[in-house]
């Protein structure tokens, strides 16, 4: 069998966390039947210091399409008996042609990349909303005083 070459549909959820929260800055990777296999750390240096929690649905936890079922089988046989990580196993090496471990590494990097993009978008949107709110409040204050509002500098 051939290892997944692309993980085109990535199902994940992110939420803001407190800095001291357990599992802050990590993404829970789990597959059917809701088994958390491992927590993937995403360093603060890659998220601009924004603490978050995340989860990624993998394999049949993401759906029942043929590609979800294929991913489920691939991930299941890449787990050691403790079911605590996805890595090279004897079964993975015997069932899949070379590239299985590389596919796991690429998947984890894809998750990290998507987290970085989502947090960057989220913090940019928050900044824009905060700026718009400040401009609106300033404009309202100046209007009440009878002064013209000037656009913010910069």
Foldseek 3Di string as FASTA:
>chain_A
DAADPDPPDKDKDKDFDDPPDPLWQWEFEDEPPGDRQEIHHQDCVLLVNTTMYMYIYAQCSVHDDPVSVVRVVLQVVQADPVSRDGADDPSNPVPHPPDSRVSRVVVSVVVNVVNSVVSVVVVVVVVVVVLVVVQVVQCVVCVVVVHHRDRDDD
